[in-house]
Amino acid sequence: MEKSEILQQWIEGAIPDPFLFQQRRAVYTHLLGTAHFAAMLAMKRGADSEAAELAGLLHDISTYLTGEHEDHARKGAALTLRILGDLQLGTPQQQEE
């Protein structure tokens, strides 16, 4: 299973139940679209498309998990490192730390 598939499954289980079906669908559409666009842009620029895809999937994760938008970029960055570490999806260097 690819890293992005593992992460997508984790996200599906992590988003709180209060989200109604339509909201969940909008969240997934947004996250998957951002991930796809980030991966394509990275490929075009010669960057790591897998890392860009994972970043796209997690770029708003703090907002979706907490329901709070304030300072979501900083909170999301910290949360992303934890999630990638817990799921062992980071780079080999990150996994050694």
C-alpha atoms as a PDB file:
ATOM      1  CA  MET A   1       0.000   0.000   0.000  1.00  0.00           C
ATOM      2  CA  GLU A   2       1.343   3.434  -0.915  1.00  0.00           C
ATOM      3  CA  LYS A   3       1.981   6.079   1.722  1.00  0.00           C
ATOM      4  CA  SER A   4      -0.824   8.267   0.406  1.00  0.00           C
ATOM      5  CA  GLU A   5      -3.322   5.386   0.667  1.00  0.00           C
ATOM      6  CA  ILE A   6      -2.271   4.681   4.256  1.00  0.00           C
ATOM      7  CA  LEU A   7      -2.640   8.354   5.094  1.00  0.00           C
ATOM      8  CA  GLN A   8      -6.047   8.612   3.391  1.00  0.00           C
ATOM      9  CA  GLN A   9      -7.329   5.692   5.465  1.00  0.00           C
ATOM     10  CA  TRP A  10      -6.007   7.329   8.619  1.00  0.00           C
ATOM     11  CA  ILE A  11      -7.707  10.630   7.744  1.00  0.00           C
ATOM     12  CA  GLU A  12     -11.039   8.889   7.096  1.00  0.00           C
ATOM     13  CA  GLY A  13     -10.922   7.382  10.577  1.00  0.00           C
ATOM     14  CA  ALA A  14      -9.624  10.510  12.293  1.00  0.00           C
ATOM     15  CA  ILE A  15     -12.122  13.157  11.194  1.00  0.00           C
ATOM     16  CA  PRO A  16     -14.679  13.523  13.995  1.00  0.00           C
ATOM     17  CA  ASP A  17     -18.186  12.091  13.607  1.00  0.00           C
ATOM     18  CA  PRO A  18     -19.976  15.453  13.927  1.00  0.00           C
ATOM     19  CA  PHE A  19     -19.127  16.112  10.282  1.00  0.00           C
ATOM     20  CA  LEU A  20     -22.196  15.327   8.219  1.00  0.00           C
ATOM     21  CA  PHE A  21     -21.867  13.243   5.060  1.00  0.00           C
ATOM     22  CA  GLN A  22     -21.800  16.265   2.740  1.00  0.00           C
ATOM     23  CA  GLN A  23     -19.175  17.999   4.872  1.00  0.00           C
ATOM     24  CA  ARG A  24     -16.997  14.882   4.969  1.00  0.00           C
ATOM     25  CA  ARG A  25     -17.256  14.539   1.206  1.00  0.00           C
ATOM     26  CA  ALA A  26     -16.243  18.192   0.767  1.00  0.00           C
ATOM     27  CA  VAL A  27     -13.297  17.682   3.132  1.00  0.00           C
ATOM     28  CA  TYR A  28     -12.072  14.633   1.219  1.00  0.00           C
ATOM     29  CA  THR A  29     -12.565  16.356  -2.135  1.00  0.00           C
ATOM     30  CA  HIS A  30     -10.550  19.340  -0.896  1.00  0.00           C
ATOM     31  CA  LEU A  31      -7.738  17.268   0.625  1.00  0.00           C
ATOM     32  CA  LEU A  32      -7.454  14.863  -2.306  1.00  0.00           C
ATOM     33  CA  GLY A  33      -7.566  17.687  -4.839  1.00  0.00           C
ATOM     34  CA  THR A  34      -4.875  19.611  -3.003  1.00  0.00           C
ATOM     35  CA  ALA A  35      -2.738  16.474  -2.705  1.00  0.00           C
ATOM     36  CA  HIS A  36      -3.078  15.712  -6.413  1.00  0.00           C
ATOM     37  CA  PHE A  37      -2.261  19.281  -7.447  1.00  0.00           C
ATOM     38  CA  ALA A  38       0.727  19.418  -5.060  1.00  0.00           C
ATOM     39  CA  ALA A  39       2.114  16.158  -6.465  1.00  0.00           C
ATOM     40  CA  MET A  40       1.723  17.353 -10.063  1.00  0.00           C
ATOM     41  CA  LEU A  41       3.385  20.678  -9.283  1.00  0.00           C
ATOM     42  CA  ALA A  42       6.262  18.918  -7.519  1.00  0.00           C
ATOM     43  CA  MET A  43       6.780  16.622 -10.516  1.00  0.00           C
ATOM     44  CA  LYS A  44       6.855  19.602 -12.843  1.00  0.00           C
ATOM     45  CA  ARG A  45       9.411  21.346 -10.612  1.00  0.00           C
ATOM     46  CA  GLY A  46      11.571  18.247 -10.103  1.00  0.00           C
ATOM     47  CA  ALA A  47      10.720  18.032  -6.400  1.00  0.00           C
ATOM     48  CA  ASP A  48       9.589  15.070  -4.287  1.00  0.00           C
ATOM     49  CA  SER A  49       6.051  14.408  -5.522  1.00  0.00           C
ATOM     50  CA  GLU A  50       5.312  11.855  -2.792  1.00  0.00           C
ATOM     51  CA  ALA A  51       6.218  14.324  -0.040  1.00  0.00           C
ATOM     52  CA  ALA A  52       4.141  17.007  -1.768  1.00  0.00           C
ATOM     53  CA  GLU A  53       1.167  14.643  -1.988  1.00  0.00           C
ATOM     54  CA  LEU A  54       1.370  13.827   1.732  1.00  0.00           C
ATOM     55  CA  ALA A  55       1.668  17.526   2.551  1.00  0.00           C
ATOM     56  CA  GLY A  56      -1.414  18.224   0.450  1.00  0.00           C
ATOM     57  CA  LEU A  57      -3.372  15.543   2.278  1.00  0.00           C
ATOM     58  CA  LEU A  58      -2.438  16.991   5.659  1.00  0.00           C
ATOM     59  CA  HIS A  59      -2.358  20.729   4.939  1.00  0.00           C
ATOM     60  CA  ASP A  60      -5.621  21.452   6.824  1.00  0.00           C
ATOM     61  CA  ILE A  61      -5.591  18.505   9.226  1.00  0.00           C
ATOM     62  CA  SER A  62      -5.476  20.668  12.359  1.00  0.00           C
ATOM     63  CA  THR A  63      -8.641  22.512  11.341  1.00  0.00           C
ATOM     64  CA  TYR A  64     -10.501  19.300  10.542  1.00  0.00           C
ATOM     65  CA  LEU A  65      -9.480  17.520  13.741  1.00  0.00           C
ATOM     66  CA  THR A  66     -10.034  20.405  16.153  1.00  0.00           C
ATOM     67  CA  GLY A  67     -12.662  22.509  14.390  1.00  0.00           C
ATOM     68  CA  GLU A  68     -10.470  25.582  14.993  1.00  0.00           C
ATOM     69  CA  HIS A  69      -8.906  27.590  12.183  1.00  0.00           C
ATOM     70  CA  GLU A  70      -6.802  29.991  14.250  1.00  0.00           C
ATOM     71  CA  ASP A  71      -3.073  29.327  13.853  1.00  0.00           C
ATOM     72  CA  HIS A  72      -3.894  26.141  11.929  1.00  0.00           C
ATOM     73  CA  ALA A  73      -0.710  26.235   9.846  1.00  0.00           C
ATOM     74  CA  ARG A  74       1.630  26.075  12.847  1.00  0.00           C
ATOM     75  CA  LYS A  75      -0.540  23.578  14.710  1.00  0.00           C
ATOM     76  CA  GLY A  76      -0.965  21.511  11.561  1.00  0.00           C
ATOM     77  CA  ALA A  77       2.779  21.364  10.928  1.00  0.00           C
ATOM     78  CA  ALA A  78       3.410  19.941  14.395  1.00  0.00           C
ATOM     79  CA  LEU A  79       0.495  17.545  14.048  1.00  0.00           C
ATOM     80  CA  THR A  80       1.710  16.440  10.613  1.00  0.00           C
ATOM     81  CA  LEU A  81       5.127  15.491  11.972  1.00  0.00           C
ATOM     82  CA  ARG A  82       3.474  13.440  14.702  1.00  0.00           C
ATOM     83  CA  ILE A  83       1.076  11.706  12.297  1.00  0.00           C
ATOM     84  CA  LEU A  84       3.796  10.858   9.778  1.00  0.00           C
ATOM     85  CA  GLY A  85       5.967   9.541  12.594  1.00  0.00           C
ATOM     86  CA  ASP A  86       3.182   7.475  14.158  1.00  0.00           C
ATOM     87  CA  LEU A  87       2.327   5.940  10.780  1.00  0.00           C
ATOM     88  CA  GLN A  88       6.027   5.578   9.888  1.00  0.00           C
ATOM     89  CA  LEU A  89       5.497   7.541   6.692  1.00  0.00           C
ATOM     90  CA  GLY A  90       8.263  10.101   7.097  1.00  0.00           C
ATOM     91  CA  THR A  91      11.620  10.098   5.391  1.00  0.00           C
ATOM     92  CA  PRO A  92      14.246   7.615   6.599  1.00  0.00           C
ATOM     93  CA  GLN A  93      15.984  10.522   8.360  1.00  0.00           C
ATOM     94  CA  GLN A  94      12.752  11.482  10.135  1.00  0.00           C
ATOM     95  CA  GLN A  95      12.102   7.883  11.152  1.00  0.00           C
ATOM     96  CA  GLU A  96      15.559   7.646  12.759  1.00  0.00           C
ATOM     97  CA  GLU A  97      14.913  10.693  14.976  1.00  0.00           C
END
